[in-house]
Structure formats: C-alpha cells, structure tokens
Full PDB file with SEQRES, HELIX, SHEET, SSBOND, CRYST1, ORIGX, SCALE, CONECT and MASTER records, all heavy atoms in Angstrom:
SEQRES   1 A   38  LYS SER MET THR GLN GLY ILE GLN PHE PHE ASN PRO GLY          
SEQRES   2 A   38  PHE ASN GLY SER ASP VAL ASP ALA LEU ARG TRP ILE VAL          
SEQRES   3 A   38  ASP ASN GLN LEU SER PRO SER PRO LEU GLY ARG SER              
HELIX    1 AA1 SER A    2  GLN A    5  1                                   4    
HELIX    2 AA2 ILE A    7  PHE A   10  1                                   4    
HELIX    3 AA3 ASP A   18  ILE A   25  1                                   8    
HELIX    4 AA4 VAL A   26  LEU A   30  3                                   5    
HELIX    5 AA5 PRO A   32  ARG A   37  1                                   6    
CRYST1    1.000    1.000    1.000  90.00  90.00  90.00 P 1           1          
ORIGX1      1.000000  0.000000  0.000000        0.00000                         
ORIGX2      0.000000  1.000000  0.000000        0.00000                         
ORIGX3      0.000000  0.000000  1.000000        0.00000                         
SCALE1      1.000000  0.000000  0.000000        0.00000                         
SCALE2      0.000000  1.000000  0.000000        0.00000                         
SCALE3      0.000000  0.000000  1.000000        0.00000                         
ATOM      1  N   LYS A   1       0.811  -1.209   0.000  1.00  0.00           N  
ATOM      2  CA  LYS A   1       0.000   0.000   0.000  1.00  0.00           C  
ATOM      3  C   LYS A   1       0.848   1.264   0.000  1.00  0.00           C  
ATOM      4  O   LYS A   1       0.618   2.179  -0.805  1.00  0.00           O  
ATOM      5  CB  LYS A   1      -0.921  -0.007   1.217  1.00  0.00           C  
ATOM      6  CG  LYS A   1      -1.865   1.200   1.282  1.00  0.00           C  
ATOM      7  CD  LYS A   1      -2.781   1.103   2.496  1.00  0.00           C  
ATOM      8  CE  LYS A   1      -3.717   2.304   2.578  1.00  0.00           C  
ATOM      9  NZ  LYS A   1      -4.594   2.215   3.775  1.00  0.00           N  
ATOM     10  N   SER A   2       1.851   1.300   0.876  1.00  0.00           N  
ATOM     11  CA  SER A   2       2.670   2.507   0.981  1.00  0.00           C  
ATOM     12  C   SER A   2       3.466   2.751  -0.290  1.00  0.00           C  
ATOM     13  O   SER A   2       3.637   3.900  -0.720  1.00  0.00           O  
ATOM     14  CB  SER A   2       3.597   2.419   2.191  1.00  0.00           C  
ATOM     15  OG  SER A   2       4.499   1.340   2.059  1.00  0.00           O  
ATOM     16  N   MET A   3       3.961   1.684  -0.909  1.00  0.00           N  
ATOM     17  CA  MET A   3       4.712   1.845  -2.145  1.00  0.00           C  
ATOM     18  C   MET A   3       3.805   2.308  -3.279  1.00  0.00           C  
ATOM     19  O   MET A   3       4.144   3.226  -4.038  1.00  0.00           O  
ATOM     20  CB  MET A   3       5.400   0.526  -2.515  1.00  0.00           C  
ATOM     21  CG  MET A   3       6.540   0.150  -1.594  1.00  0.00           C  
ATOM     22  SD  MET A   3       7.843   1.410  -1.573  1.00  0.00           S  
ATOM     23  CE  MET A   3       8.740   0.929  -0.088  1.00  0.00           C  
ATOM     24  N   THR A   4       2.640   1.694  -3.396  1.00  0.00           N  
ATOM     25  CA  THR A   4       1.705   2.072  -4.459  1.00  0.00           C  
ATOM     26  C   THR A   4       1.280   3.528  -4.326  1.00  0.00           C  
ATOM     27  O   THR A   4       1.199   4.261  -5.320  1.00  0.00           O  
ATOM     28  CB  THR A   4       0.462   1.158  -4.426  1.00  0.00           C  
ATOM     29  OG1 THR A   4       0.881  -0.197  -4.579  1.00  0.00           O  
ATOM     30  CG2 THR A   4      -0.500   1.513  -5.551  1.00  0.00           C  
ATOM     31  N   GLN A   5       1.038   3.955  -3.091  1.00  0.00           N  
ATOM     32  CA  GLN A   5       0.626   5.343  -2.868  1.00  0.00           C  
ATOM     33  C   GLN A   5       1.745   6.332  -3.187  1.00  0.00           C  
ATOM     34  O   GLN A   5       1.480   7.511  -3.414  1.00  0.00           O  
ATOM     35  CB  GLN A   5       0.176   5.518  -1.411  1.00  0.00           C  
ATOM     36  CG  GLN A   5      -1.139   4.830  -1.092  1.00  0.00           C  
ATOM     37  CD  GLN A   5      -1.530   4.953   0.365  1.00  0.00           C  
ATOM     38  OE1 GLN A   5      -0.690   5.228   1.238  1.00  0.00           O  
ATOM     39  NE2 GLN A   5      -2.804   4.748   0.654  1.00  0.00           N  
ATOM     40  N   GLY A   6       2.989   5.836  -3.218  1.00  0.00           N  
ATOM     41  CA  GLY A   6       4.112   6.716  -3.495  1.00  0.00           C  
ATOM     42  C   GLY A   6       4.545   6.739  -4.946  1.00  0.00           C  
ATOM     43  O   GLY A   6       5.628   7.230  -5.259  1.00  0.00           O  
ATOM     44  N   ILE A   7       3.698   6.246  -5.859  1.00  0.00           N  
ATOM     45  CA  ILE A   7       4.110   6.144  -7.266  1.00  0.00           C  
ATOM     46  C   ILE A   7       4.499   7.492  -7.864  1.00  0.00           C  
ATOM     47  O   ILE A   7       5.424   7.576  -8.667  1.00  0.00           O  
ATOM     48  CB  ILE A   7       2.997   5.475  -8.125  1.00  0.00           C  
ATOM     49  CG1 ILE A   7       3.487   5.268  -9.562  1.00  0.00           C  
ATOM     50  CG2 ILE A   7       1.711   6.273  -8.070  1.00  0.00           C  
ATOM     51  CD1 ILE A   7       4.697   4.385  -9.712  1.00  0.00           C  
ATOM     52  N   GLN A   8       3.831   8.561  -7.464  1.00  0.00           N  
ATOM     53  CA  GLN A   8       4.158   9.874  -8.046  1.00  0.00           C  
ATOM     54  C   GLN A   8       5.512  10.382  -7.554  1.00  0.00           C  
ATOM     55  O   GLN A   8       6.137  11.207  -8.212  1.00  0.00           O  
ATOM     56  CB  GLN A   8       3.050  10.880  -7.732  1.00  0.00           C  
ATOM     57  CG  GLN A   8       1.722  10.566  -8.413  1.00  0.00           C  
ATOM     58  CD  GLN A   8       1.852  10.437  -9.934  1.00  0.00           C  
ATOM     59  OE1 GLN A   8       2.560  11.214 -10.582  1.00  0.00           O  
ATOM     60  NE2 GLN A   8       1.168   9.439 -10.500  1.00  0.00           N  
ATOM     61  N   PHE A   9       5.947   9.901  -6.403  1.00  0.00           N  
ATOM     62  CA  PHE A   9       7.294  10.224  -5.936  1.00  0.00           C  
ATOM     63  C   PHE A   9       8.328   9.474  -6.766  1.00  0.00           C  
ATOM     64  O   PHE A   9       9.318  10.044  -7.224  1.00  0.00           O  
ATOM     65  CB  PHE A   9       7.449   9.853  -4.457  1.00  0.00           C  
ATOM     66  CG  PHE A   9       8.873   9.857  -3.958  1.00  0.00           C  
ATOM     67  CD1 PHE A   9       9.541  11.043  -3.715  1.00  0.00           C  
ATOM     68  CD2 PHE A   9       9.554   8.660  -3.738  1.00  0.00           C  
ATOM     69  CE1 PHE A   9      10.853  11.045  -3.257  1.00  0.00           C  
ATOM     70  CE2 PHE A   9      10.859   8.641  -3.282  1.00  0.00           C  
ATOM     71  CZ  PHE A   9      11.514   9.850  -3.037  1.00  0.00           C  
ATOM     72  N   PHE A  10       8.067   8.191  -6.990  1.00  0.00           N  
ATOM     73  CA  PHE A  10       9.005   7.377  -7.742  1.00  0.00           C  
ATOM     74  C   PHE A  10       8.977   7.681  -9.236  1.00  0.00           C  
ATOM     75  O   PHE A  10      10.000   7.678  -9.903  1.00  0.00           O  
ATOM     76  CB  PHE A  10       8.689   5.890  -7.530  1.00  0.00           C  
ATOM     77  CG  PHE A  10       8.925   5.394  -6.141  1.00  0.00           C  
ATOM     78  CD1 PHE A  10       7.871   5.054  -5.320  1.00  0.00           C  
ATOM     79  CD2 PHE A  10      10.211   5.276  -5.634  1.00  0.00           C  
ATOM     80  CE1 PHE A  10       8.080   4.575  -4.032  1.00  0.00           C  
ATOM     81  CE2 PHE A  10      10.443   4.810  -4.349  1.00  0.00           C  
ATOM     82  CZ  PHE A  10       9.368   4.468  -3.544  1.00  0.00           C  
ATOM     83  N   ASN A  11       7.774   7.898  -9.777  1.00  0.00           N  
ATOM     84  CA  ASN A  11       7.610   8.088 -11.216  1.00  0.00           C  
ATOM     85  C   ASN A  11       6.552   9.163 -11.480  1.00  0.00           C  
ATOM     86  O   ASN A  11       5.389   8.858 -11.751  1.00  0.00           O  
ATOM     87  CB  ASN A  11       7.200   6.772 -11.873  1.00  0.00           C  
ATOM     88  CG  ASN A  11       7.148   6.850 -13.385  1.00  0.00           C  
ATOM     89  OD1 ASN A  11       7.411   7.895 -13.979  1.00  0.00           O  
ATOM     90  ND2 ASN A  11       6.796   5.753 -14.030  1.00  0.00           N  
ATOM     91  N   PRO A  12       6.943  10.445 -11.369  1.00  0.00           N  
ATOM     92  CA  PRO A  12       5.986  11.536 -11.565  1.00  0.00           C  
ATOM     93  C   PRO A  12       5.286  11.427 -12.920  1.00  0.00           C  
ATOM     94  O   PRO A  12       5.920  11.176 -13.943  1.00  0.00           O  
ATOM     95  CB  PRO A  12       6.869  12.785 -11.506  1.00  0.00           C  
ATOM     96  CG  PRO A  12       8.054  12.373 -10.698  1.00  0.00           C  
ATOM     97  CD  PRO A  12       8.294  10.935 -11.044  1.00  0.00           C  
ATOM     98  N   GLY A  13       3.963  11.578 -12.899  1.00  0.00           N  
ATOM     99  CA  GLY A  13       3.198  11.507 -14.133  1.00  0.00           C  
ATOM    100  C   GLY A  13       2.763  10.104 -14.506  1.00  0.00           C  
ATOM    101  O   GLY A  13       2.130   9.911 -15.549  1.00  0.00           O  
ATOM    102  N   PHE A  14       3.087   9.099 -13.678  1.00  0.00           N  
ATOM    103  CA  PHE A  14       2.684   7.728 -13.981  1.00  0.00           C  
ATOM    104  C   PHE A  14       1.163   7.641 -14.106  1.00  0.00           C  
ATOM    105  O   PHE A  14       0.418   8.202 -13.316  1.00  0.00           O  
ATOM    106  CB  PHE A  14       3.165   6.782 -12.878  1.00  0.00           C  
ATOM    107  CG  PHE A  14       2.773   5.344 -13.093  1.00  0.00           C  
ATOM    108  CD1 PHE A  14       3.567   4.505 -13.855  1.00  0.00           C  
ATOM    109  CD2 PHE A  14       1.596   4.836 -12.541  1.00  0.00           C  
ATOM    110  CE1 PHE A  14       3.212   3.183 -14.063  1.00  0.00           C  
ATOM    111  CE2 PHE A  14       1.230   3.513 -12.743  1.00  0.00           C  
ATOM    112  CZ  PHE A  14       2.034   2.686 -13.507  1.00  0.00           C  
ATOM    113  N   ASN A  15       0.712   6.887 -15.104  1.00  0.00           N  
ATOM    114  CA  ASN A  15      -0.724   6.720 -15.331  1.00  0.00           C  
ATOM    115  C   ASN A  15      -1.002   5.237 -15.523  1.00  0.00           C  
ATOM    116  O   ASN A  15      -0.654   4.654 -16.542  1.00  0.00           O  
ATOM    117  CB  ASN A  15      -1.169   7.516 -16.566  1.00  0.00           C  
ATOM    118  CG  ASN A  15      -2.663   7.438 -16.794  1.00  0.00           C  
ATOM    119  OD1 ASN A  15      -3.413   7.125 -15.869  1.00  0.00           O  
ATOM    120  ND2 ASN A  15      -3.098   7.721 -18.011  1.00  0.00           N  
ATOM    121  N   GLY A  16      -1.599   4.611 -14.526  1.00  0.00           N  
ATOM    122  CA  GLY A  16      -1.879   3.187 -14.604  1.00  0.00           C  
ATOM    123  C   GLY A  16      -2.571   2.717 -13.345  1.00  0.00           C  
ATOM    124  O   GLY A  16      -2.842   3.494 -12.421  1.00  0.00           O  
ATOM    125  N   SER A  17      -2.862   1.429 -13.277  1.00  0.00           N  
ATOM    126  CA  SER A  17      -3.549   0.852 -12.130  1.00  0.00           C  
ATOM    127  C   SER A  17      -2.603   0.723 -10.935  1.00  0.00           C  
ATOM    128  O   SER A  17      -1.378   0.852 -11.086  1.00  0.00           O  
ATOM    129  CB  SER A  17      -4.099  -0.528 -12.488  1.00  0.00           C  
ATOM    130  OG  SER A  17      -3.026  -1.428 -12.699  1.00  0.00           O  
ATOM    131  N   ASP A  18      -3.165   0.431  -9.767  1.00  0.00           N  
ATOM    132  CA  ASP A  18      -2.348   0.207  -8.587  1.00  0.00           C  
ATOM    133  C   ASP A  18      -1.430  -1.009  -8.773  1.00  0.00           C  
ATOM    134  O   ASP A  18      -0.289  -1.006  -8.307  1.00  0.00           O  
ATOM    135  CB  ASP A  18      -3.243  -0.027  -7.361  1.00  0.00           C  
ATOM    136  CG  ASP A  18      -3.882   1.265  -6.856  1.00  0.00           C  
ATOM    137  OD1 ASP A  18      -3.518   2.348  -7.358  1.00  0.00           O  
ATOM    138  OD2 ASP A  18      -4.749   1.179  -5.965  1.00  0.00           O  
ATOM    139  N   VAL A  19      -1.936  -2.027  -9.453  1.00  0.00           N  
ATOM    140  CA  VAL A  19      -1.125  -3.218  -9.723  1.00  0.00           C  
ATOM    141  C   VAL A  19       0.071  -2.855 -10.586  1.00  0.00           C  
ATOM    142  O   VAL A  19       1.205  -3.286 -10.325  1.00  0.00           O  
ATOM    143  CB  VAL A  19      -1.970  -4.314 -10.405  1.00  0.00           C  
ATOM    144  CG1 VAL A  19      -1.082  -5.463 -10.873  1.00  0.00           C  
ATOM    145  CG2 VAL A  19      -3.049  -4.825  -9.453  1.00  0.00           C  
ATOM    146  N   ASP A  20      -0.182  -2.062 -11.625  1.00  0.00           N  
ATOM    147  CA  ASP A  20       0.904  -1.631 -12.509  1.00  0.00           C  
ATOM    148  C   ASP A  20       1.893  -0.730 -11.767  1.00  0.00           C  
ATOM    149  O   ASP A  20       3.110  -0.800 -12.001  1.00  0.00           O  
ATOM    150  CB  ASP A  20       0.345  -0.887 -13.715  1.00  0.00           C  
ATOM    151  CG  ASP A  20      -0.442  -1.792 -14.652  1.00  0.00           C  
ATOM    152  OD1 ASP A  20      -0.192  -3.013 -14.630  1.00  0.00           O  
ATOM    153  OD2 ASP A  20      -1.301  -1.271 -15.396  1.00  0.00           O  
ATOM    154  N   ALA A  21       1.364   0.115 -10.888  1.00  0.00           N  
ATOM    155  CA  ALA A  21       2.223   1.024 -10.129  1.00  0.00           C  
ATOM    156  C   ALA A  21       3.164   0.245  -9.218  1.00  0.00           C  
ATOM    157  O   ALA A  21       4.370   0.536  -9.154  1.00  0.00           O  
ATOM    158  CB  ALA A  21       1.369   1.991  -9.310  1.00  0.00           C  
ATOM    159  N   LEU A  22       2.622  -0.751  -8.528  1.00  0.00           N  
ATOM    160  CA  LEU A  22       3.453  -1.552  -7.633  1.00  0.00           C  
ATOM    161  C   LEU A  22       4.521  -2.296  -8.418  1.00  0.00           C  
ATOM    162  O   LEU A  22       5.688  -2.338  -8.010  1.00  0.00           O  
ATOM    163  CB  LEU A  22       2.589  -2.540  -6.852  1.00  0.00           C  
ATOM    164  CG  LEU A  22       3.342  -3.435  -5.866  1.00  0.00           C  
ATOM    165  CD1 LEU A  22       4.012  -2.595  -4.772  1.00  0.00           C  
ATOM    166  CD2 LEU A  22       2.401  -4.466  -5.245  1.00  0.00           C  
ATOM    167  N   ARG A  23       4.137  -2.864  -9.552  1.00  0.00           N  
ATOM    168  CA  ARG A  23       5.100  -3.591 -10.378  1.00  0.00           C  
ATOM    169  C   ARG A  23       6.214  -2.660 -10.825  1.00  0.00           C  
ATOM    170  O   ARG A  23       7.402  -3.029 -10.797  1.00  0.00           O  
ATOM    171  CB  ARG A  23       4.387  -4.189 -11.598  1.00  0.00           C  
ATOM    172  CG  ARG A  23       5.311  -4.898 -12.583  1.00  0.00           C  
ATOM    173  CD  ARG A  23       5.561  -6.321 -12.167  1.00  0.00           C  
ATOM    174  NE  ARG A  23       6.622  -6.944 -12.915  1.00  0.00           N  
ATOM    175  CZ  ARG A  23       6.640  -8.238 -13.246  1.00  0.00           C  
ATOM    176  NH1 ARG A  23       5.668  -9.040 -12.894  1.00  0.00           N  
ATOM    177  NH2 ARG A  23       7.657  -8.745 -13.902  1.00  0.00           N  
ATOM    178  N   TRP A  24       5.865  -1.449 -11.220  1.00  0.00           N  
ATOM    179  CA  TRP A  24       6.878  -0.492 -11.684  1.00  0.00           C  
ATOM    180  C   TRP A  24       7.851  -0.157 -10.557  1.00  0.00           C  
ATOM    181  O   TRP A  24       9.073  -0.142 -10.751  1.00  0.00           O  
ATOM    182  CB  TRP A  24       6.226   0.787 -12.201  1.00  0.00           C  
ATOM    183  CG  TRP A  24       7.207   1.682 -12.915  1.00  0.00           C  
ATOM    184  CD1 TRP A  24       7.442   1.735 -14.264  1.00  0.00           C  
ATOM    185  CD2 TRP A  24       8.118   2.619 -12.303  1.00  0.00           C  
ATOM    186  NE1 TRP A  24       8.443   2.645 -14.534  1.00  0.00           N  
ATOM    187  CE2 TRP A  24       8.874   3.199 -13.346  1.00  0.00           C  
ATOM    188  CE3 TRP A  24       8.360   3.014 -10.997  1.00  0.00           C  
ATOM    189  CZ2 TRP A  24       9.852   4.150 -13.109  1.00  0.00           C  
ATOM    190  CZ3 TRP A  24       9.353   3.968 -10.756  1.00  0.00           C  
ATOM    191  CH2 TRP A  24      10.086   4.530 -11.806  1.00  0.00           C  
ATOM    192  N   ILE A  25       7.320   0.099  -9.375  1.00  0.00           N  
ATOM    193  CA  ILE A  25       8.167   0.466  -8.236  1.00  0.00           C  
ATOM    194  C   ILE A  25       9.090  -0.683  -7.847  1.00  0.00           C  
ATOM    195  O   ILE A  25      10.286  -0.482  -7.607  1.00  0.00           O  
ATOM    196  CB  ILE A  25       7.308   0.903  -7.034  1.00  0.00           C  
ATOM    197  CG1 ILE A  25       6.593   2.209  -7.351  1.00  0.00           C  
ATOM    198  CG2 ILE A  25       8.161   1.059  -5.779  1.00  0.00           C  
ATOM    199  CD1 ILE A  25       5.513   2.581  -6.349  1.00  0.00           C  
ATOM    200  N   VAL A  26       8.538  -1.882  -7.773  1.00  0.00           N  
ATOM    201  CA  VAL A  26       9.353  -3.038  -7.397  1.00  0.00           C  
ATOM    202  C   VAL A  26      10.461  -3.263  -8.415  1.00  0.00           C  
ATOM    203  O   VAL A  26      11.641  -3.447  -8.060  1.00  0.00           O  
ATOM    204  CB  VAL A  26       8.485  -4.299  -7.251  1.00  0.00           C  
ATOM    205  CG1 VAL A  26       9.372  -5.528  -7.064  1.00  0.00           C  
ATOM    206  CG2 VAL A  26       7.534  -4.166  -6.072  1.00  0.00           C  
ATOM    207  N   ASP A  27      10.116  -3.248  -9.696  1.00  0.00           N  
ATOM    208  CA  ASP A  27      11.099  -3.557 -10.734  1.00  0.00           C  
ATOM    209  C   ASP A  27      12.150  -2.472 -10.915  1.00  0.00           C  
ATOM    210  O   ASP A  27      13.291  -2.763 -11.287  1.00  0.00           O  
ATOM    211  CB  ASP A  27      10.387  -3.792 -12.071  1.00  0.00           C  
ATOM    212  CG  ASP A  27       9.674  -5.132 -12.129  1.00  0.00           C  
ATOM    213  OD1 ASP A  27       9.823  -5.916 -11.167  1.00  0.00           O  
ATOM    214  OD2 ASP A  27       8.977  -5.394 -13.123  1.00  0.00           O  
ATOM    215  N   ASN A  28      11.773  -1.227 -10.662  1.00  0.00           N  
ATOM    216  CA  ASN A  28      12.691  -0.124 -10.934  1.00  0.00           C  
ATOM    217  C   ASN A  28      13.382   0.444  -9.706  1.00  0.00           C  
ATOM    218  O   ASN A  28      14.479   0.987  -9.830  1.00  0.00           O  
ATOM    219  CB  ASN A  28      11.952   1.006 -11.656  1.00  0.00           C  
ATOM    220  CG  ASN A  28      11.570   0.650 -13.079  1.00  0.00           C  
ATOM    221  OD1 ASN A  28      12.362   0.799 -13.995  1.00  0.00           O  
ATOM    222  ND2 ASN A  28      10.362   0.144 -13.252  1.00  0.00           N  
ATOM    223  N   GLN A  29      12.748   0.300  -8.545  1.00  0.00           N  
ATOM    224  CA  GLN A  29      13.308   0.927  -7.355  1.00  0.00           C  
ATOM    225  C   GLN A  29      13.717  -0.065  -6.271  1.00  0.00           C  
ATOM    226  O   GLN A  29      14.767   0.072  -5.666  1.00  0.00           O  
ATOM    227  CB  GLN A  29      12.300   1.919  -6.766  1.00  0.00           C  
ATOM    228  CG  GLN A  29      12.888   2.853  -5.724  1.00  0.00           C  
ATOM    229  CD  GLN A  29      13.818   3.897  -6.318  1.00  0.00           C  
ATOM    230  OE1 GLN A  29      13.517   4.479  -7.353  1.00  0.00           O  
ATOM    231  NE2 GLN A  29      14.961   4.128  -5.669  1.00  0.00           N  
ATOM    232  N   LEU A  30      12.899  -1.064  -6.024  1.00  0.00           N  
ATOM    233  CA  LEU A  30      13.123  -1.920  -4.864  1.00  0.00           C  
ATOM    234  C   LEU A  30      13.977  -3.151  -5.145  1.00  0.00           C  
ATOM    235  O   LEU A  30      14.840  -3.507  -4.346  1.00  0.00           O  
ATOM    236  CB  LEU A  30      11.776  -2.384  -4.276  1.00  0.00           C  
ATOM    237  CG  LEU A  30      10.776  -1.307  -3.870  1.00  0.00           C  
ATOM    238  CD1 LEU A  30       9.568  -1.949  -3.202  1.00  0.00           C  
ATOM    239  CD2 LEU A  30      11.418  -0.276  -2.952  1.00  0.00           C  
ATOM    240  N   SER A  31      13.717  -3.829  -6.256  1.00  0.00           N  
ATOM    241  CA  SER A  31      14.308  -5.156  -6.477  1.00  0.00           C  
ATOM    242  C   SER A  31      15.716  -5.201  -7.053  1.00  0.00           C  
ATOM    243  O   SER A  31      16.466  -6.132  -6.737  1.00  0.00           O  
ATOM    244  CB  SER A  31      13.388  -5.983  -7.400  1.00  0.00           C  
ATOM    245  OG  SER A  31      12.292  -6.466  -6.677  1.00  0.00           O  
ATOM    246  N   PRO A  32      16.114  -4.282  -7.921  1.00  0.00           N  
ATOM    247  CA  PRO A  32      17.405  -4.467  -8.593  1.00  0.00           C  
ATOM    248  C   PRO A  32      18.577  -4.761  -7.665  1.00  0.00           C  
ATOM    249  O   PRO A  32      19.352  -5.685  -7.910  1.00  0.00           O  
ATOM    250  CB  PRO A  32      17.589  -3.142  -9.353  1.00  0.00           C  
ATOM    251  CG  PRO A  32      16.193  -2.712  -9.666  1.00  0.00           C  
ATOM    252  CD  PRO A  32      15.396  -3.083  -8.456  1.00  0.00           C  
ATOM    253  N   SER A  33      18.726  -4.001  -6.586  1.00  0.00           N  
ATOM    254  CA  SER A  33      19.870  -4.244  -5.698  1.00  0.00           C  
ATOM    255  C   SER A  33      19.766  -5.550  -4.923  1.00  0.00           C  
ATOM    256  O   SER A  33      20.698  -6.364  -4.959  1.00  0.00           O  
ATOM    257  CB  SER A  33      20.056  -3.065  -4.735  1.00  0.00           C  
ATOM    258  OG  SER A  33      20.742  -2.019  -5.380  1.00  0.00           O  
ATOM    259  N   PRO A  34      18.659  -5.811  -4.197  1.00  0.00           N  
ATOM    260  CA  PRO A  34      18.589  -7.085  -3.457  1.00  0.00           C  
ATOM    261  C   PRO A  34      18.711  -8.312  -4.341  1.00  0.00           C  
ATOM    262  O   PRO A  34      19.357  -9.288  -3.958  1.00  0.00           O  
ATOM    263  CB  PRO A  34      17.207  -7.021  -2.787  1.00  0.00           C  
ATOM    264  CG  PRO A  34      16.896  -5.575  -2.693  1.00  0.00           C  
ATOM    265  CD  PRO A  34      17.506  -4.949  -3.906  1.00  0.00           C  
ATOM    266  N   LEU A  35      18.115  -8.275  -5.539  1.00  0.00           N  
ATOM    267  CA  LEU A  35      18.156  -9.442  -6.421  1.00  0.00           C  
ATOM    268  C   LEU A  35      19.533  -9.622  -7.035  1.00  0.00           C  
ATOM    269  O   LEU A  35      20.097 -10.718  -7.027  1.00  0.00           O  
ATOM    270  CB  LEU A  35      17.115  -9.305  -7.522  1.00  0.00           C  
ATOM    271  CG  LEU A  35      15.647  -9.235  -7.099  1.00  0.00           C  
ATOM    272  CD1 LEU A  35      14.755  -9.073  -8.327  1.00  0.00           C  
ATOM    273  CD2 LEU A  35      15.241 -10.463  -6.293  1.00  0.00           C  
ATOM    274  N   GLY A  36      20.074  -8.548  -7.597  1.00  0.00           N  
ATOM    275  CA  GLY A  36      21.355  -8.642  -8.284  1.00  0.00           C  
ATOM    276  C   GLY A  36      22.491  -9.035  -7.359  1.00  0.00           C  
ATOM    277  O   GLY A  36      23.280  -9.932  -7.654  1.00  0.00           O  
ATOM    278  N   ARG A  37      22.569  -8.372  -6.212  1.00  0.00           N  
ATOM    279  CA  ARG A  37      23.687  -8.668  -5.310  1.00  0.00           C  
ATOM    280  C   ARG A  37      23.567 -10.056  -4.693  1.00  0.00           C  
ATOM    281  O   ARG A  37      24.580 -10.723  -4.461  1.00  0.00           O  
ATOM    282  CB  ARG A  37      23.806  -7.588  -4.242  1.00  0.00           C  
ATOM    283  CG  ARG A  37      22.694  -7.548  -3.211  1.00  0.00           C  
ATOM    284  CD  ARG A  37      22.755  -6.263  -2.414  1.00  0.00           C  
ATOM    285  NE  ARG A  37      21.748  -6.210  -1.359  1.00  0.00           N  
ATOM    286  CZ  ARG A  37      21.384  -5.078  -0.755  1.00  0.00           C  
ATOM    287  NH1 ARG A  37      21.948  -3.930  -1.096  1.00  0.00           N  
ATOM    288  NH2 ARG A  37      20.483  -5.083   0.203  1.00  0.00           N  
ATOM    289  N   SER A  38      22.342 -10.518  -4.455  1.00  0.00           N  
ATOM    290  CA  SER A  38      22.161 -11.863  -3.911  1.00  0.00           C  
ATOM    291  C   SER A  38      22.554 -12.916  -4.939  1.00  0.00           C  
ATOM    292  O   SER A  38      23.184 -13.927  -4.596  1.00  0.00           O  
ATOM    293  CB  SER A  38      20.710 -12.075  -3.471  1.00  0.00           C  
ATOM    294  OG  SER A  38      20.380 -11.233  -2.384  1.00  0.00           O  
TER     295      SER A  38                                                      
MASTER        0    0    0    5    0    0    0    6  294    1    0    3          
END                                                                             
C-alpha cells in the first residue's frame, strides 16, 4: 500500500492501475539491488 501510494514520488506523471504502479516500483526501485547482489 505505501509503495503504491508513493508512485508519483518514484515516477511523476505515472498513469496506470495500482497493480501496474506496484510492479513499476518493485522492478525499478526496490528489487534491482537485493536481487542482483544476492
């Protein structure tokens, strides 16, 4: 919920569903470092 609500902080002007917003945040902001380094 908190990540989805912050989509405009992560990606100003984003236009899409909450599901799409969460996917964008996870793929672009949250996951790259934990996944890659692990």
